[in-house]
Amino acid sequence: HHGILRDSSTTKLRVVYNASSPSTSGISLNDI
């Protein structure tokens, strides 16, 4: 996961999760 800084009055920092990143099995959460 990483953060994205935004020009917003409510949510300055949005956390984005990379669920397409493969695990040790070569399969990601998004794959299943």
PDB file of all heavy atoms in Angstrom:
ATOM      1  N   HIS A   1       0.835  -1.206   0.000  1.00  0.00           N
ATOM      2  CA  HIS A   1       0.000   0.000   0.000  1.00  0.00           C
ATOM      3  C   HIS A   1       0.863   1.246   0.000  1.00  0.00           C
ATOM      4  O   HIS A   1       2.021   1.236   0.417  1.00  0.00           O
ATOM      5  CB  HIS A   1      -0.953   0.007   1.209  1.00  0.00           C
ATOM      6  CG  HIS A   1      -0.261  -0.113   2.529  1.00  0.00           C
ATOM      7  ND1 HIS A   1       0.072   0.958   3.306  1.00  0.00           N
ATOM      8  CD2 HIS A   1       0.179  -1.216   3.207  1.00  0.00           C
ATOM      9  CE1 HIS A   1       0.663   0.549   4.412  1.00  0.00           C
ATOM     10  NE2 HIS A   1       0.750  -0.766   4.377  1.00  0.00           N
ATOM     11  N   HIS A   2       0.293   2.325  -0.505  1.00  0.00           N
ATOM     12  CA  HIS A   2       0.986   3.613  -0.510  1.00  0.00           C
ATOM     13  C   HIS A   2      -0.054   4.718  -0.437  1.00  0.00           C
ATOM     14  O   HIS A   2      -1.250   4.489  -0.644  1.00  0.00           O
ATOM     15  CB  HIS A   2       1.843   3.767  -1.779  1.00  0.00           C
ATOM     16  CG  HIS A   2       1.031   3.821  -3.042  1.00  0.00           C
ATOM     17  ND1 HIS A   2       0.557   2.683  -3.668  1.00  0.00           N
ATOM     18  CD2 HIS A   2       0.610   4.863  -3.799  1.00  0.00           C
ATOM     19  CE1 HIS A   2      -0.115   3.012  -4.752  1.00  0.00           C
ATOM     20  NE2 HIS A   2      -0.106   4.342  -4.858  1.00  0.00           N
ATOM     21  N   GLY A   3       0.391   5.911  -0.135  1.00  0.00           N
ATOM     22  CA  GLY A   3      -0.511   7.041  -0.001  1.00  0.00           C
ATOM     23  C   GLY A   3      -0.451   7.962  -1.212  1.00  0.00           C
ATOM     24  O   GLY A   3       0.572   8.069  -1.874  1.00  0.00           O
ATOM     25  N   ILE A   4      -1.588   8.600  -1.504  1.00  0.00           N
ATOM     26  CA  ILE A   4      -1.670   9.600  -2.571  1.00  0.00           C
ATOM     27  C   ILE A   4      -2.146  10.909  -1.947  1.00  0.00           C
ATOM     28  O   ILE A   4      -3.230  10.961  -1.360  1.00  0.00           O
ATOM     29  CB  ILE A   4      -2.637   9.174  -3.688  1.00  0.00           C
ATOM     30  CG1 ILE A   4      -2.106   7.944  -4.417  1.00  0.00           C
ATOM     31  CG2 ILE A   4      -2.850  10.316  -4.681  1.00  0.00           C
ATOM     32  CD1 ILE A   4      -3.024   7.445  -5.516  1.00  0.00           C
ATOM     33  N   LEU A   5      -1.325  11.945  -2.058  1.00  0.00           N
ATOM     34  CA  LEU A   5      -1.703  13.261  -1.553  1.00  0.00           C
ATOM     35  C   LEU A   5      -2.629  13.923  -2.562  1.00  0.00           C
ATOM     36  O   LEU A   5      -2.350  13.941  -3.757  1.00  0.00           O
ATOM     37  CB  LEU A   5      -0.461  14.126  -1.310  1.00  0.00           C
ATOM     38  CG  LEU A   5       0.419  13.715  -0.134  1.00  0.00           C
ATOM     39  CD1 LEU A   5       1.692  14.555  -0.107  1.00  0.00           C
ATOM     40  CD2 LEU A   5      -0.335  13.883   1.189  1.00  0.00           C
ATOM     41  N   ARG A   6      -3.743  14.467  -2.081  1.00  0.00           N
ATOM     42  CA  ARG A   6      -4.751  15.051  -2.959  1.00  0.00           C
ATOM     43  C   ARG A   6      -5.089  16.455  -2.498  1.00  0.00           C
ATOM     44  O   ARG A   6      -5.049  16.756  -1.303  1.00  0.00           O
ATOM     45  CB  ARG A   6      -6.013  14.187  -2.962  1.00  0.00           C
ATOM     46  CG  ARG A   6      -5.776  12.753  -3.349  1.00  0.00           C
ATOM     47  CD  ARG A   6      -6.919  11.846  -2.947  1.00  0.00           C
ATOM     48  NE  ARG A   6      -8.167  12.233  -3.587  1.00  0.00           N
ATOM     49  CZ  ARG A   6      -9.316  12.360  -2.931  1.00  0.00           C
ATOM     50  NH1 ARG A   6      -9.358  12.184  -1.618  1.00  0.00           N
ATOM     51  NH2 ARG A   6     -10.418  12.679  -3.580  1.00  0.00           N
ATOM     52  N   ASP A   7      -5.449  17.281  -3.466  1.00  0.00           N
ATOM     53  CA  ASP A   7      -5.911  18.632  -3.158  1.00  0.00           C
ATOM     54  C   ASP A   7      -7.383  18.547  -2.808  1.00  0.00           C
ATOM     55  O   ASP A   7      -8.266  18.786  -3.624  1.00  0.00           O
ATOM     56  CB  ASP A   7      -5.698  19.547  -4.371  1.00  0.00           C
ATOM     57  CG  ASP A   7      -6.105  20.983  -4.075  1.00  0.00           C
ATOM     58  OD1 ASP A   7      -6.273  21.317  -2.890  1.00  0.00           O
ATOM     59  OD2 ASP A   7      -6.271  21.765  -5.034  1.00  0.00           O
ATOM     60  N   SER A   8      -7.664  18.154  -1.578  1.00  0.00           N
ATOM     61  CA  SER A   8      -9.031  17.907  -1.149  1.00  0.00           C
ATOM     62  C   SER A   8      -9.276  18.545   0.204  1.00  0.00           C
ATOM     63  O   SER A   8      -8.381  18.598   1.060  1.00  0.00           O
ATOM     64  CB  SER A   8      -9.295  16.393  -1.075  1.00  0.00           C
ATOM     65  OG  SER A   8     -10.523  16.114  -0.449  1.00  0.00           O
ATOM     66  N   SER A   9     -10.507  19.026   0.397  1.00  0.00           N
ATOM     67  CA  SER A   9     -10.865  19.647   1.678  1.00  0.00           C
ATOM     68  C   SER A   9     -11.233  18.609   2.724  1.00  0.00           C
ATOM     69  O   SER A   9     -11.351  18.929   3.907  1.00  0.00           O
ATOM     70  CB  SER A   9     -12.048  20.607   1.481  1.00  0.00           C
ATOM     71  OG  SER A   9     -13.164  19.899   0.958  1.00  0.00           O
ATOM     72  N   THR A  10     -11.425  17.340   2.300  1.00  0.00           N
ATOM     73  CA  THR A  10     -11.861  16.315   3.246  1.00  0.00           C
ATOM     74  C   THR A  10     -10.831  15.211   3.434  1.00  0.00           C
ATOM     75  O   THR A  10     -10.507  14.854   4.556  1.00  0.00           O
ATOM     76  CB  THR A  10     -13.189  15.690   2.761  1.00  0.00           C
ATOM     77  OG1 THR A  10     -13.034  15.261   1.409  1.00  0.00           O
ATOM     78  CG2 THR A  10     -14.318  16.702   2.852  1.00  0.00           C
ATOM     79  N   THR A  11     -10.320  14.641   2.343  1.00  0.00           N
ATOM     80  CA  THR A  11      -9.372  13.530   2.442  1.00  0.00           C
ATOM     81  C   THR A  11      -8.058  13.931   1.778  1.00  0.00           C
ATOM     82  O   THR A  11      -7.871  13.747   0.575  1.00  0.00           O
ATOM     83  CB  THR A  11      -9.944  12.264   1.774  1.00  0.00           C
ATOM     84  OG1 THR A  11     -11.256  12.021   2.267  1.00  0.00           O
ATOM     85  CG2 THR A  11      -9.072  11.057   2.085  1.00  0.00           C
ATOM     86  N   LYS A  12      -7.148  14.488   2.556  1.00  0.00           N
ATOM     87  CA  LYS A  12      -5.866  14.943   2.009  1.00  0.00           C
ATOM     88  C   LYS A  12      -5.000  13.778   1.550  1.00  0.00           C
ATOM     89  O   LYS A  12      -4.312  13.858   0.546  1.00  0.00           O
ATOM     90  CB  LYS A  12      -5.107  15.748   3.082  1.00  0.00           C
ATOM     91  CG  LYS A  12      -5.812  17.005   3.565  1.00  0.00           C
ATOM     92  CD  LYS A  12      -5.782  18.091   2.515  1.00  0.00           C
ATOM     93  CE  LYS A  12      -6.350  19.384   3.059  1.00  0.00           C
ATOM     94  NZ  LYS A  12      -6.391  20.451   2.040  1.00  0.00           N
ATOM     95  N   LEU A  13      -5.059  12.683   2.318  1.00  0.00           N
ATOM     96  CA  LEU A  13      -4.215  11.524   2.024  1.00  0.00           C
ATOM     97  C   LEU A  13      -5.101  10.307   1.808  1.00  0.00           C
ATOM     98  O   LEU A  13      -5.839   9.909   2.709  1.00  0.00           O
ATOM     99  CB  LEU A  13      -3.239  11.250   3.170  1.00  0.00           C
ATOM    100  CG  LEU A  13      -2.343  10.025   3.018  1.00  0.00           C
ATOM    101  CD1 LEU A  13      -1.400  10.184   1.848  1.00  0.00           C
ATOM    102  CD2 LEU A  13      -1.565   9.768   4.315  1.00  0.00           C
ATOM    103  N   ARG A  14      -5.056   9.757   0.614  1.00  0.00           N
ATOM    104  CA  ARG A  14      -5.825   8.540   0.327  1.00  0.00           C
ATOM    105  C   ARG A  14      -4.863   7.370   0.243  1.00  0.00           C
ATOM    106  O   ARG A  14      -3.834   7.444  -0.424  1.00  0.00           O
ATOM    107  CB  ARG A  14      -6.593   8.674  -0.983  1.00  0.00           C
ATOM    108  CG  ARG A  14      -6.991   7.334  -1.587  1.00  0.00           C
ATOM    109  CD  ARG A  14      -8.064   7.444  -2.623  1.00  0.00           C
ATOM    110  NE  ARG A  14      -9.361   7.651  -2.004  1.00  0.00           N
ATOM    111  CZ  ARG A  14     -10.508   7.677  -2.676  1.00  0.00           C
ATOM    112  NH1 ARG A  14     -10.497   7.549  -3.980  1.00  0.00           N
ATOM    113  NH2 ARG A  14     -11.647   7.850  -2.058  1.00  0.00           N
ATOM    114  N   VAL A  15      -5.198   6.273   0.927  1.00  0.00           N
ATOM    115  CA  VAL A  15      -4.385   5.068   0.900  1.00  0.00           C
ATOM    116  C   VAL A  15      -4.889   4.163  -0.217  1.00  0.00           C
ATOM    117  O   VAL A  15      -6.086   3.874  -0.300  1.00  0.00           O
ATOM    118  CB  VAL A  15      -4.436   4.325   2.248  1.00  0.00           C
ATOM    119  CG1 VAL A  15      -3.555   3.080   2.194  1.00  0.00           C
ATOM    120  CG2 VAL A  15      -3.991   5.243   3.380  1.00  0.00           C
ATOM    121  N   VAL A  16      -3.974   3.740  -1.089  1.00  0.00           N
ATOM    122  CA  VAL A  16      -4.321   2.851  -2.201  1.00  0.00           C
ATOM    123  C   VAL A  16      -3.623   1.513  -1.981  1.00  0.00           C
ATOM    124  O   VAL A  16      -2.420   1.466  -1.717  1.00  0.00           O
ATOM    125  CB  VAL A  16      -3.895   3.457  -3.555  1.00  0.00           C
ATOM    126  CG1 VAL A  16      -4.178   2.486  -4.686  1.00  0.00           C
ATOM    127  CG2 VAL A  16      -4.618   4.770  -3.797  1.00  0.00           C
ATOM    128  N   TYR A  17      -4.397   0.428  -2.104  1.00  0.00           N
ATOM    129  CA  TYR A  17      -3.869  -0.909  -1.875  1.00  0.00           C
ATOM    130  C   TYR A  17      -3.660  -1.621  -3.214  1.00  0.00           C
ATOM    131  O   TYR A  17      -4.569  -1.662  -4.047  1.00  0.00           O
ATOM    132  CB  TYR A  17      -4.826  -1.717  -0.993  1.00  0.00           C
ATOM    133  CG  TYR A  17      -5.031  -1.090   0.364  1.00  0.00           C
ATOM    134  CD1 TYR A  17      -6.069  -0.187   0.580  1.00  0.00           C
ATOM    135  CD2 TYR A  17      -4.177  -1.378   1.414  1.00  0.00           C
ATOM    136  CE1 TYR A  17      -6.249   0.415   1.819  1.00  0.00           C
ATOM    137  CE2 TYR A  17      -4.345  -0.788   2.660  1.00  0.00           C
ATOM    138  CZ  TYR A  17      -5.383   0.106   2.854  1.00  0.00           C
ATOM    139  OH  TYR A  17      -5.561   0.707   4.069  1.00  0.00           O
ATOM    140  N   ASN A  18      -2.476  -2.172  -3.408  1.00  0.00           N
ATOM    141  CA  ASN A  18      -2.145  -2.854  -4.656  1.00  0.00           C
ATOM    142  C   ASN A  18      -2.403  -4.350  -4.500  1.00  0.00           C
ATOM    143  O   ASN A  18      -1.487  -5.144  -4.298  1.00  0.00           O
ATOM    144  CB  ASN A  18      -0.693  -2.597  -5.045  1.00  0.00           C
ATOM    145  CG  ASN A  18      -0.321  -3.262  -6.354  1.00  0.00           C
ATOM    146  OD1 ASN A  18      -1.191  -3.655  -7.126  1.00  0.00           O
ATOM    147  ND2 ASN A  18       0.968  -3.393  -6.606  1.00  0.00           N
ATOM    148  N   ALA A  19      -3.676  -4.731  -4.624  1.00  0.00           N
ATOM    149  CA  ALA A  19      -4.042  -6.138  -4.465  1.00  0.00           C
ATOM    150  C   ALA A  19      -3.760  -6.956  -5.714  1.00  0.00           C
ATOM    151  O   ALA A  19      -4.092  -8.137  -5.772  1.00  0.00           O
ATOM    152  CB  ALA A  19      -5.519  -6.249  -4.083  1.00  0.00           C
ATOM    153  N   SER A  20      -3.139  -6.331  -6.730  1.00  0.00           N
ATOM    154  CA  SER A  20      -2.730  -7.059  -7.932  1.00  0.00           C
ATOM    155  C   SER A  20      -1.291  -7.538  -7.827  1.00  0.00           C
ATOM    156  O   SER A  20      -0.780  -8.190  -8.745  1.00  0.00           O
ATOM    157  CB  SER A  20      -2.887  -6.171  -9.177  1.00  0.00           C
ATOM    158  OG  SER A  20      -4.242  -5.865  -9.415  1.00  0.00           O
ATOM    159  N   SER A  21      -0.630  -7.219  -6.726  1.00  0.00           N
ATOM    160  CA  SER A  21       0.751  -7.660  -6.521  1.00  0.00           C
ATOM    161  C   SER A  21       0.774  -9.159  -6.218  1.00  0.00           C
ATOM    162  O   SER A  21       0.081  -9.625  -5.302  1.00  0.00           O
ATOM    163  CB  SER A  21       1.381  -6.883  -5.359  1.00  0.00           C
ATOM    164  OG  SER A  21       2.697  -7.319  -5.110  1.00  0.00           O
ATOM    165  N   PRO A  22       1.543  -9.961  -6.990  1.00  0.00           N
ATOM    166  CA  PRO A  22       1.534 -11.419  -6.788  1.00  0.00           C
ATOM    167  C   PRO A  22       2.163 -11.819  -5.452  1.00  0.00           C
ATOM    168  O   PRO A  22       3.095 -11.181  -4.962  1.00  0.00           O
ATOM    169  CB  PRO A  22       2.347 -11.954  -7.975  1.00  0.00           C
ATOM    170  CG  PRO A  22       3.219 -10.808  -8.386  1.00  0.00           C
ATOM    171  CD  PRO A  22       2.415  -9.564  -8.111  1.00  0.00           C
ATOM    172  N   SER A  23       1.654 -12.891  -4.887  1.00  0.00           N
ATOM    173  CA  SER A  23       2.206 -13.435  -3.643  1.00  0.00           C
ATOM    174  C   SER A  23       3.319 -14.428  -3.985  1.00  0.00           C
ATOM    175  O   SER A  23       3.727 -14.554  -5.139  1.00  0.00           O
ATOM    176  CB  SER A  23       1.086 -14.134  -2.858  1.00  0.00           C
ATOM    177  OG  SER A  23       0.600 -15.242  -3.601  1.00  0.00           O
ATOM    178  N   THR A  24       3.792 -15.160  -2.998  1.00  0.00           N
ATOM    179  CA  THR A  24       4.862 -16.139  -3.229  1.00  0.00           C
ATOM    180  C   THR A  24       4.400 -17.270  -4.148  1.00  0.00           C
ATOM    181  O   THR A  24       5.215 -17.951  -4.765  1.00  0.00           O
ATOM    182  CB  THR A  24       5.337 -16.735  -1.898  1.00  0.00           C
ATOM    183  OG1 THR A  24       4.193 -17.229  -1.171  1.00  0.00           O
ATOM    184  CG2 THR A  24       6.041 -15.675  -1.052  1.00  0.00           C
ATOM    185  N   SER A  25       3.082 -17.439  -4.252  1.00  0.00           N
ATOM    186  CA  SER A  25       2.544 -18.472  -5.146  1.00  0.00           C
ATOM    187  C   SER A  25       2.428 -17.972  -6.581  1.00  0.00           C
ATOM    188  O   SER A  25       2.085 -18.741  -7.484  1.00  0.00           O
ATOM    189  CB  SER A  25       1.155 -18.907  -4.655  1.00  0.00           C
ATOM    190  OG  SER A  25       0.231 -17.828  -4.770  1.00  0.00           O
ATOM    191  N   GLY A  26       2.694 -16.680  -6.795  1.00  0.00           N
ATOM    192  CA  GLY A  26       2.543 -16.090  -8.114  1.00  0.00           C
ATOM    193  C   GLY A  26       1.139 -15.603  -8.403  1.00  0.00           C
ATOM    194  O   GLY A  26       0.852 -15.107  -9.494  1.00  0.00           O
ATOM    195  N   ILE A  27       0.247 -15.739  -7.437  1.00  0.00           N
ATOM    196  CA  ILE A  27      -1.154 -15.328  -7.593  1.00  0.00           C
ATOM    197  C   ILE A  27      -1.438 -14.175  -6.646  1.00  0.00           C
ATOM    198  O   ILE A  27      -1.018 -14.171  -5.484  1.00  0.00           O
ATOM    199  CB  ILE A  27      -2.103 -16.511  -7.298  1.00  0.00           C
ATOM    200  CG1 ILE A  27      -1.838 -17.654  -8.271  1.00  0.00           C
ATOM    201  CG2 ILE A  27      -3.563 -16.080  -7.387  1.00  0.00           C
ATOM    202  CD1 ILE A  27      -2.631 -18.917  -7.964  1.00  0.00           C
ATOM    203  N   SER A  28      -2.169 -13.189  -7.129  1.00  0.00           N
ATOM    204  CA  SER A  28      -2.535 -12.047  -6.298  1.00  0.00           C
ATOM    205  C   SER A  28      -3.962 -12.202  -5.788  1.00  0.00           C
ATOM    206  O   SER A  28      -4.723 -13.061  -6.250  1.00  0.00           O
ATOM    207  CB  SER A  28      -2.424 -10.747  -7.104  1.00  0.00           C
ATOM    208  OG  SER A  28      -3.448 -10.677  -8.081  1.00  0.00           O
ATOM    209  N   LEU A  29      -4.347 -11.338  -4.852  1.00  0.00           N
ATOM    210  CA  LEU A  29      -5.716 -11.351  -4.326  1.00  0.00           C
ATOM    211  C   LEU A  29      -6.714 -11.046  -5.438  1.00  0.00           C
ATOM    212  O   LEU A  29      -7.772 -11.670  -5.549  1.00  0.00           O
ATOM    213  CB  LEU A  29      -5.857 -10.326  -3.197  1.00  0.00           C
ATOM    214  CG  LEU A  29      -7.267 -10.125  -2.628  1.00  0.00           C
ATOM    215  CD1 LEU A  29      -7.825 -11.432  -2.065  1.00  0.00           C
ATOM    216  CD2 LEU A  29      -7.255  -9.044  -1.548  1.00  0.00           C
ATOM    217  N   ASN A  30      -6.358 -10.092  -6.307  1.00  0.00           N
ATOM    218  CA  ASN A  30      -7.274  -9.740  -7.395  1.00  0.00           C
ATOM    219  C   ASN A  30      -7.450 -10.869  -8.404  1.00  0.00           C
ATOM    220  O   ASN A  30      -8.473 -10.954  -9.081  1.00  0.00           O
ATOM    221  CB  ASN A  30      -6.794  -8.468  -8.105  1.00  0.00           C
ATOM    222  CG  ASN A  30      -7.105  -7.221  -7.298  1.00  0.00           C
ATOM    223  OD1 ASN A  30      -7.885  -7.245  -6.354  1.00  0.00           O
ATOM    224  ND2 ASN A  30      -6.477  -6.108  -7.670  1.00  0.00           N
ATOM    225  N   ASP A  31      -6.437 -11.741  -8.503  1.00  0.00           N
ATOM    226  CA  ASP A  31      -6.536 -12.868  -9.428  1.00  0.00           C
ATOM    227  C   ASP A  31      -7.645 -13.839  -9.031  1.00  0.00           C
ATOM    228  O   ASP A  31      -8.222 -14.516  -9.889  1.00  0.00           O
ATOM    229  CB  ASP A  31      -5.208 -13.633  -9.507  1.00  0.00           C
ATOM    230  CG  ASP A  31      -4.128 -12.845 -10.229  1.00  0.00           C
ATOM    231  OD1 ASP A  31      -4.479 -11.985 -11.062  1.00  0.00           O
ATOM    232  OD2 ASP A  31      -2.932 -13.088  -9.959  1.00  0.00           O
ATOM    233  N   ILE A  32      -7.933 -13.938  -7.749  1.00  0.00           N
ATOM    234  CA  ILE A  32      -8.914 -14.929  -7.283  1.00  0.00           C
ATOM    235  C   ILE A  32     -10.255 -14.295  -6.944  1.00  0.00           C
ATOM    236  O   ILE A  32     -11.148 -14.962  -6.429  1.00  0.00           O
ATOM    237  CB  ILE A  32      -8.379 -15.688  -6.048  1.00  0.00           C
ATOM    238  CG1 ILE A  32      -8.153 -14.733  -4.871  1.00  0.00           C
ATOM    239  CG2 ILE A  32      -7.091 -16.432  -6.382  1.00  0.00           C
ATOM    240  CD1 ILE A  32      -7.786 -15.447  -3.564  1.00  0.00           C
TER     241      ILE A  32
END
